[in-house]
Amino acid sequence: MKTLQEFVKGRRKAVHLTQEEFAERAGVALTVVRKIEQGKNNLNLEKVNLVLKMFGHVLMPVDERLLNSNIQSDEKS
């Protein structure tokens, strides 16, 4: 599974856009794209989703208990 950092950077490069060009098209500040691609943890979910919408994706909060139960179910399969 790719990290958010790897996904955004890889997809941006695949469409041959600089960070600045990509930020402009996504409607976010250049610093947002840089923070994502550097793997920073202090990201605004709304801004991240503006970036991800460029690729048809979004992030949303997940209940940790649900996530853990799904992981355990997958490990048993």
PDB file of N, CA and C in Angstrom:
ATOM      1  N   MET A   1       0.833  -1.167   0.000  1.00  0.00           N
ATOM      2  CA  MET A   1       0.000   0.000   0.000  1.00  0.00           C
ATOM      3  C   MET A   1       0.887   1.244   0.000  1.00  0.00           C
ATOM      4  N   LYS A   2       0.562   2.196  -0.855  1.00  0.00           N
ATOM      5  CA  LYS A   2       1.336   3.428  -0.925  1.00  0.00           C
ATOM      6  C   LYS A   2       0.920   4.396   0.170  1.00  0.00           C
ATOM      7  N   THR A   3       1.883   5.187   0.608  1.00  0.00           N
ATOM      8  CA  THR A   3       1.570   6.254   1.554  1.00  0.00           C
ATOM      9  C   THR A   3       0.964   7.415   0.782  1.00  0.00           C
ATOM     10  N   LEU A   4       0.343   8.331   1.507  1.00  0.00           N
ATOM     11  CA  LEU A   4      -0.210   9.536   0.883  1.00  0.00           C
ATOM     12  C   LEU A   4       0.894  10.283   0.156  1.00  0.00           C
ATOM     13  N   GLN A   5       2.035  10.379   0.776  1.00  0.00           N
ATOM     14  CA  GLN A   5       3.192  11.059   0.210  1.00  0.00           C
ATOM     15  C   GLN A   5       3.584  10.436  -1.132  1.00  0.00           C
ATOM     16  N   GLU A   6       3.724   9.144  -1.182  1.00  0.00           N
ATOM     17  CA  GLU A   6       4.118   8.446  -2.413  1.00  0.00           C
ATOM     18  C   GLU A   6       3.050   8.578  -3.498  1.00  0.00           C
ATOM     19  N   PHE A   7       1.784   8.459  -3.088  1.00  0.00           N
ATOM     20  CA  PHE A   7       0.693   8.530  -4.044  1.00  0.00           C
ATOM     21  C   PHE A   7       0.643   9.881  -4.729  1.00  0.00           C
ATOM     22  N   VAL A   8       0.639  10.954  -3.954  1.00  0.00           N
ATOM     23  CA  VAL A   8       0.519  12.303  -4.527  1.00  0.00           C
ATOM     24  C   VAL A   8       1.731  12.639  -5.388  1.00  0.00           C
ATOM     25  N   LYS A   9       2.907  12.389  -4.877  1.00  0.00           N
ATOM     26  CA  LYS A   9       4.117  12.718  -5.630  1.00  0.00           C
ATOM     27  C   LYS A   9       4.193  11.915  -6.933  1.00  0.00           C
ATOM     28  N   GLY A  10       3.889  10.634  -6.854  1.00  0.00           N
ATOM     29  CA  GLY A  10       3.924   9.786  -8.042  1.00  0.00           C
ATOM     30  C   GLY A  10       2.914  10.203  -9.088  1.00  0.00           C
ATOM     31  N   ARG A  11       1.690  10.483  -8.654  1.00  0.00           N
ATOM     32  CA  ARG A  11       0.644  10.880  -9.600  1.00  0.00           C
ATOM     33  C   ARG A  11       0.941  12.247 -10.208  1.00  0.00           C
ATOM     34  N   ARG A  12       1.447  13.178  -9.388  1.00  0.00           N
ATOM     35  CA  ARG A  12       1.795  14.509  -9.897  1.00  0.00           C
ATOM     36  C   ARG A  12       2.863  14.405 -10.972  1.00  0.00           C
ATOM     37  N   LYS A  13       3.880  13.611 -10.694  1.00  0.00           N
ATOM     38  CA  LYS A  13       4.966  13.450 -11.658  1.00  0.00           C
ATOM     39  C   LYS A  13       4.485  12.731 -12.920  1.00  0.00           C
ATOM     40  N   ALA A  14       3.544  11.819 -12.774  1.00  0.00           N
ATOM     41  CA  ALA A  14       3.021  11.077 -13.923  1.00  0.00           C
ATOM     42  C   ALA A  14       2.310  11.997 -14.907  1.00  0.00           C
ATOM     43  N   VAL A  15       1.737  13.089 -14.400  1.00  0.00           N
ATOM     44  CA  VAL A  15       1.058  14.039 -15.290  1.00  0.00           C
ATOM     45  C   VAL A  15       1.955  15.234 -15.632  1.00  0.00           C
ATOM     46  N   HIS A  16       3.231  15.111 -15.261  1.00  0.00           N
ATOM     47  CA  HIS A  16       4.262  16.088 -15.639  1.00  0.00           C
ATOM     48  C   HIS A  16       3.956  17.510 -15.173  1.00  0.00           C
ATOM     49  N   LEU A  17       3.589  17.630 -13.896  1.00  0.00           N
ATOM     50  CA  LEU A  17       3.342  18.945 -13.317  1.00  0.00           C
ATOM     51  C   LEU A  17       4.346  19.220 -12.215  1.00  0.00           C
ATOM     52  N   THR A  18       4.789  20.461 -12.127  1.00  0.00           N
ATOM     53  CA  THR A  18       5.623  20.862 -11.003  1.00  0.00           C
ATOM     54  C   THR A  18       4.723  20.976  -9.782  1.00  0.00           C
ATOM     55  N   GLN A  19       5.325  21.061  -8.613  1.00  0.00           N
ATOM     56  CA  GLN A  19       4.526  21.242  -7.400  1.00  0.00           C
ATOM     57  C   GLN A  19       3.699  22.518  -7.497  1.00  0.00           C
ATOM     58  N   GLU A  20       4.300  23.566  -8.016  1.00  0.00           N
ATOM     59  CA  GLU A  20       3.609  24.850  -8.138  1.00  0.00           C
ATOM     60  C   GLU A  20       2.415  24.749  -9.097  1.00  0.00           C
ATOM     61  N   GLU A  21       2.611  24.139 -10.253  1.00  0.00           N
ATOM     62  CA  GLU A  21       1.519  23.974 -11.220  1.00  0.00           C
ATOM     63  C   GLU A  21       0.395  23.125 -10.628  1.00  0.00           C
ATOM     64  N   PHE A  22       0.787  22.062  -9.944  1.00  0.00           N
ATOM     65  CA  PHE A  22      -0.196  21.166  -9.365  1.00  0.00           C
ATOM     66  C   PHE A  22      -1.010  21.873  -8.283  1.00  0.00           C
ATOM     67  N   ALA A  23      -0.327  22.617  -7.425  1.00  0.00           N
ATOM     68  CA  ALA A  23      -1.011  23.344  -6.357  1.00  0.00           C
ATOM     69  C   ALA A  23      -2.025  24.322  -6.937  1.00  0.00           C
ATOM     70  N   GLU A  24      -1.633  25.017  -7.968  1.00  0.00           N
ATOM     71  CA  GLU A  24      -2.529  25.983  -8.605  1.00  0.00           C
ATOM     72  C   GLU A  24      -3.771  25.295  -9.160  1.00  0.00           C
ATOM     73  N   ARG A  25      -3.583  24.187  -9.842  1.00  0.00           N
ATOM     74  CA  ARG A  25      -4.721  23.455 -10.420  1.00  0.00           C
ATOM     75  C   ARG A  25      -5.620  22.842  -9.343  1.00  0.00           C
ATOM     76  N   ALA A  26      -5.025  22.438  -8.234  1.00  0.00           N
ATOM     77  CA  ALA A  26      -5.793  21.835  -7.150  1.00  0.00           C
ATOM     78  C   ALA A  26      -6.488  22.890  -6.288  1.00  0.00           C
ATOM     79  N   GLY A  27      -6.058  24.137  -6.416  1.00  0.00           N
ATOM     80  CA  GLY A  27      -6.657  25.211  -5.631  1.00  0.00           C
ATOM     81  C   GLY A  27      -6.147  25.288  -4.215  1.00  0.00           C
ATOM     82  N   VAL A  28      -4.879  24.895  -4.027  1.00  0.00           N
ATOM     83  CA  VAL A  28      -4.266  24.955  -2.696  1.00  0.00           C
ATOM     84  C   VAL A  28      -2.948  25.710  -2.785  1.00  0.00           C
ATOM     85  N   ALA A  29      -2.433  26.089  -1.633  1.00  0.00           N
ATOM     86  CA  ALA A  29      -1.133  26.756  -1.585  1.00  0.00           C
ATOM     87  C   ALA A  29      -0.025  25.748  -1.878  1.00  0.00           C
ATOM     88  N   LEU A  30       1.054  26.237  -2.422  1.00  0.00           N
ATOM     89  CA  LEU A  30       2.211  25.397  -2.719  1.00  0.00           C
ATOM     90  C   LEU A  30       2.686  24.666  -1.467  1.00  0.00           C
ATOM     91  N   THR A  31       2.605  25.322  -0.324  1.00  0.00           N
ATOM     92  CA  THR A  31       3.058  24.689   0.924  1.00  0.00           C
ATOM     93  C   THR A  31       2.258  23.427   1.248  1.00  0.00           C
ATOM     94  N   VAL A  32       0.998  23.380   0.840  1.00  0.00           N
ATOM     95  CA  VAL A  32       0.177  22.186   1.092  1.00  0.00           C
ATOM     96  C   VAL A  32       0.749  20.994   0.332  1.00  0.00           C
ATOM     97  N   VAL A  33       1.045  21.191  -0.939  1.00  0.00           N
ATOM     98  CA  VAL A  33       1.604  20.108  -1.757  1.00  0.00           C
ATOM     99  C   VAL A  33       2.968  19.693  -1.204  1.00  0.00           C
ATOM    100  N   ARG A  34       3.774  20.652  -0.843  1.00  0.00           N
ATOM    101  CA  ARG A  34       5.098  20.331  -0.287  1.00  0.00           C
ATOM    102  C   ARG A  34       4.986  19.534   1.006  1.00  0.00           C
ATOM    103  N   LYS A  35       4.084  19.952   1.898  1.00  0.00           N
ATOM    104  CA  LYS A  35       3.909  19.226   3.164  1.00  0.00           C
ATOM    105  C   LYS A  35       3.475  17.787   2.917  1.00  0.00           C
ATOM    106  N   ILE A  36       2.542  17.594   1.987  1.00  0.00           N
ATOM    107  CA  ILE A  36       2.077  16.246   1.681  1.00  0.00           C
ATOM    108  C   ILE A  36       3.230  15.409   1.153  1.00  0.00           C
ATOM    109  N   GLU A  37       3.962  15.947   0.184  1.00  0.00           N
ATOM    110  CA  GLU A  37       5.043  15.189  -0.445  1.00  0.00           C
ATOM    111  C   GLU A  37       6.237  14.967   0.476  1.00  0.00           C
ATOM    112  N   GLN A  38       6.349  15.757   1.523  1.00  0.00           N
ATOM    113  CA  GLN A  38       7.425  15.564   2.502  1.00  0.00           C
ATOM    114  C   GLN A  38       6.983  14.645   3.644  1.00  0.00           C
ATOM    115  N   GLY A  39       5.728  14.222   3.613  1.00  0.00           N
ATOM    116  CA  GLY A  39       5.233  13.311   4.643  1.00  0.00           C
ATOM    117  C   GLY A  39       4.959  13.959   5.978  1.00  0.00           C
ATOM    118  N   LYS A  40       4.675  15.252   5.977  1.00  0.00           N
ATOM    119  CA  LYS A  40       4.383  15.956   7.231  1.00  0.00           C
ATOM    120  C   LYS A  40       3.082  15.434   7.833  1.00  0.00           C
ATOM    121  N   ASN A  41       2.974  15.510   9.147  1.00  0.00           N
ATOM    122  CA  ASN A  41       1.796  15.003   9.846  1.00  0.00           C
ATOM    123  C   ASN A  41       0.756  16.069  10.148  1.00  0.00           C
ATOM    124  N   ASN A  42       1.127  17.321  10.118  1.00  0.00           N
ATOM    125  CA  ASN A  42       0.198  18.391  10.489  1.00  0.00           C
ATOM    126  C   ASN A  42      -0.521  18.924   9.241  1.00  0.00           C
ATOM    127  N   LEU A  43      -1.358  18.069   8.656  1.00  0.00           N
ATOM    128  CA  LEU A  43      -2.056  18.419   7.428  1.00  0.00           C
ATOM    129  C   LEU A  43      -3.526  18.689   7.708  1.00  0.00           C
ATOM    130  N   ASN A  44      -4.086  19.616   6.947  1.00  0.00           N
ATOM    131  CA  ASN A  44      -5.501  19.931   7.014  1.00  0.00           C
ATOM    132  C   ASN A  44      -6.237  18.970   6.080  1.00  0.00           C
ATOM    133  N   LEU A  45      -7.160  18.170   6.622  1.00  0.00           N
ATOM    134  CA  LEU A  45      -7.865  17.160   5.838  1.00  0.00           C
ATOM    135  C   LEU A  45      -8.601  17.774   4.649  1.00  0.00           C
ATOM    136  N   GLU A  46      -9.171  18.937   4.840  1.00  0.00           N
ATOM    137  CA  GLU A  46      -9.888  19.612   3.752  1.00  0.00           C
ATOM    138  C   GLU A  46      -8.939  19.935   2.598  1.00  0.00           C
ATOM    139  N   LYS A  47      -7.752  20.408   2.917  1.00  0.00           N
ATOM    140  CA  LYS A  47      -6.755  20.740   1.880  1.00  0.00           C
ATOM    141  C   LYS A  47      -6.237  19.474   1.201  1.00  0.00           C
ATOM    142  N   VAL A  48      -6.012  18.435   1.988  1.00  0.00           N
ATOM    143  CA  VAL A  48      -5.557  17.157   1.431  1.00  0.00           C
ATOM    144  C   VAL A  48      -6.599  16.639   0.444  1.00  0.00           C
ATOM    145  N   ASN A  49      -7.864  16.764   0.811  1.00  0.00           N
ATOM    146  CA  ASN A  49      -8.916  16.280  -0.079  1.00  0.00           C
ATOM    147  C   ASN A  49      -9.009  17.090  -1.369  1.00  0.00           C
ATOM    148  N   LEU A  50      -8.700  18.373  -1.325  1.00  0.00           N
ATOM    149  CA  LEU A  50      -8.653  19.159  -2.561  1.00  0.00           C
ATOM    150  C   LEU A  50      -7.588  18.604  -3.500  1.00  0.00           C
ATOM    151  N   VAL A  51      -6.468  18.219  -2.928  1.00  0.00           N
ATOM    152  CA  VAL A  51      -5.388  17.624  -3.724  1.00  0.00           C
ATOM    153  C   VAL A  51      -5.816  16.262  -4.261  1.00  0.00           C
ATOM    154  N   LEU A  52      -6.373  15.418  -3.404  1.00  0.00           N
ATOM    155  CA  LEU A  52      -6.759  14.069  -3.815  1.00  0.00           C
ATOM    156  C   LEU A  52      -7.897  14.059  -4.833  1.00  0.00           C
ATOM    157  N   LYS A  53      -8.761  15.059  -4.793  1.00  0.00           N
ATOM    158  CA  LYS A  53      -9.857  15.133  -5.763  1.00  0.00           C
ATOM    159  C   LYS A  53      -9.327  15.247  -7.189  1.00  0.00           C
ATOM    160  N   MET A  54      -8.121  15.735  -7.346  1.00  0.00           N
ATOM    161  CA  MET A  54      -7.500  15.810  -8.671  1.00  0.00           C
ATOM    162  C   MET A  54      -7.358  14.405  -9.267  1.00  0.00           C
ATOM    163  N   PHE A  55      -7.323  13.393  -8.421  1.00  0.00           N
ATOM    164  CA  PHE A  55      -7.162  12.007  -8.856  1.00  0.00           C
ATOM    165  C   PHE A  55      -8.411  11.169  -8.591  1.00  0.00           C
ATOM    166  N   GLY A  56      -9.508  11.832  -8.226  1.00  0.00           N
ATOM    167  CA  GLY A  56     -10.751  11.114  -7.979  1.00  0.00           C
ATOM    168  C   GLY A  56     -10.810  10.383  -6.652  1.00  0.00           C
ATOM    169  N   HIS A  57     -10.064  10.850  -5.649  1.00  0.00           N
ATOM    170  CA  HIS A  57     -10.036  10.207  -4.338  1.00  0.00           C
ATOM    171  C   HIS A  57     -10.325  11.223  -3.239  1.00  0.00           C
ATOM    172  N   VAL A  58     -10.713  10.738  -2.067  1.00  0.00           N
ATOM    173  CA  VAL A  58     -10.849  11.562  -0.864  1.00  0.00           C
ATOM    174  C   VAL A  58     -10.458  10.726   0.342  1.00  0.00           C
ATOM    175  N   LEU A  59     -10.090  11.417   1.398  1.00  0.00           N
ATOM    176  CA  LEU A  59      -9.823  10.773   2.691  1.00  0.00           C
ATOM    177  C   LEU A  59     -10.929  11.167   3.644  1.00  0.00           C
ATOM    178  N   MET A  60     -11.263  10.271   4.543  1.00  0.00           N
ATOM    179  CA  MET A  60     -12.246  10.605   5.567  1.00  0.00           C
ATOM    180  C   MET A  60     -11.850   9.919   6.860  1.00  0.00           C
ATOM    181  N   PRO A  61     -12.291  10.462   7.977  1.00  0.00           N
ATOM    182  CA  PRO A  61     -11.966   9.835   9.257  1.00  0.00           C
ATOM    183  C   PRO A  61     -12.542   8.424   9.328  1.00  0.00           C
ATOM    184  N   VAL A  62     -11.800   7.539   9.975  1.00  0.00           N
ATOM    185  CA  VAL A  62     -12.229   6.153  10.142  1.00  0.00           C
ATOM    186  C   VAL A  62     -12.178   5.831  11.626  1.00  0.00           C
ATOM    187  N   ASP A  63     -13.201   5.162  12.113  1.00  0.00           N
ATOM    188  CA  ASP A  63     -13.230   4.729  13.507  1.00  0.00           C
ATOM    189  C   ASP A  63     -12.135   3.683  13.692  1.00  0.00           C
ATOM    190  N   GLU A  64     -11.206   3.944  14.586  1.00  0.00           N
ATOM    191  CA  GLU A  64     -10.057   3.051  14.794  1.00  0.00           C
ATOM    192  C   GLU A  64     -10.492   1.638  15.166  1.00  0.00           C
ATOM    193  N   ARG A  65     -11.571   1.509  15.913  1.00  0.00           N
ATOM    194  CA  ARG A  65     -12.055   0.179  16.299  1.00  0.00           C
ATOM    195  C   ARG A  65     -12.502  -0.609  15.067  1.00  0.00           C
ATOM    196  N   LEU A  66     -13.178   0.070  14.150  1.00  0.00           N
ATOM    197  CA  LEU A  66     -13.622  -0.576  12.917  1.00  0.00           C
ATOM    198  C   LEU A  66     -12.424  -0.971  12.066  1.00  0.00           C
ATOM    199  N   LEU A  67     -11.457  -0.081  11.973  1.00  0.00           N
ATOM    200  CA  LEU A  67     -10.248  -0.360  11.205  1.00  0.00           C
ATOM    201  C   LEU A  67      -9.520  -1.570  11.762  1.00  0.00           C
ATOM    202  N   ASN A  68      -9.359  -1.618  13.075  1.00  0.00           N
ATOM    203  CA  ASN A  68      -8.661  -2.742  13.707  1.00  0.00           C
ATOM    204  C   ASN A  68      -9.404  -4.053  13.507  1.00  0.00           C
ATOM    205  N   SER A  69     -10.728  -4.017  13.574  1.00  0.00           N
ATOM    206  CA  SER A  69     -11.482  -5.266  13.375  1.00  0.00           C
ATOM    207  C   SER A  69     -11.387  -5.739  11.937  1.00  0.00           C
ATOM    208  N   ASN A  70     -11.325  -4.818  10.979  1.00  0.00           N
ATOM    209  CA  ASN A  70     -11.163  -5.204   9.573  1.00  0.00           C
ATOM    210  C   ASN A  70      -9.779  -5.785   9.315  1.00  0.00           C
ATOM    211  N   ILE A  71      -8.777  -5.231   9.943  1.00  0.00           N
ATOM    212  CA  ILE A  71      -7.408  -5.748   9.782  1.00  0.00           C
ATOM    213  C   ILE A  71      -7.313  -7.162  10.344  1.00  0.00           C
ATOM    214  N   GLN A  72      -7.915  -7.377  11.504  1.00  0.00           N
ATOM    215  CA  GLN A  72      -7.876  -8.699  12.106  1.00  0.00           C
ATOM    216  C   GLN A  72      -8.630  -9.710  11.255  1.00  0.00           C
ATOM    217  N   SER A  73      -9.750  -9.298  10.649  1.00  0.00           N
ATOM    218  CA  SER A  73     -10.521 -10.183   9.780  1.00  0.00           C
ATOM    219  C   SER A  73      -9.698 -10.570   8.543  1.00  0.00           C
ATOM    220  N   ASP A  74      -8.984  -9.594   7.990  1.00  0.00           N
ATOM    221  CA  ASP A  74      -8.153  -9.852   6.799  1.00  0.00           C
ATOM    222  C   ASP A  74      -7.007 -10.805   7.124  1.00  0.00           C
ATOM    223  N   GLU A  75      -6.440 -10.667   8.322  1.00  0.00           N
ATOM    224  CA  GLU A  75      -5.317 -11.530   8.709  1.00  0.00           C
ATOM    225  C   GLU A  75      -5.757 -12.978   8.876  1.00  0.00           C
ATOM    226  N   LYS A  76      -7.009 -13.215   9.246  1.00  0.00           N
ATOM    227  CA  LYS A  76      -7.524 -14.562   9.440  1.00  0.00           C
ATOM    228  C   LYS A  76      -7.825 -15.234   8.102  1.00  0.00           C
ATOM    229  N   SER A  77      -8.052 -14.449   7.059  1.00  0.00           N
ATOM    230  CA  SER A  77      -8.407 -15.011   5.749  1.00  0.00           C
ATOM    231  C   SER A  77      -7.231 -15.644   5.051  1.00  0.00           C
TER     232      SER A  77
END
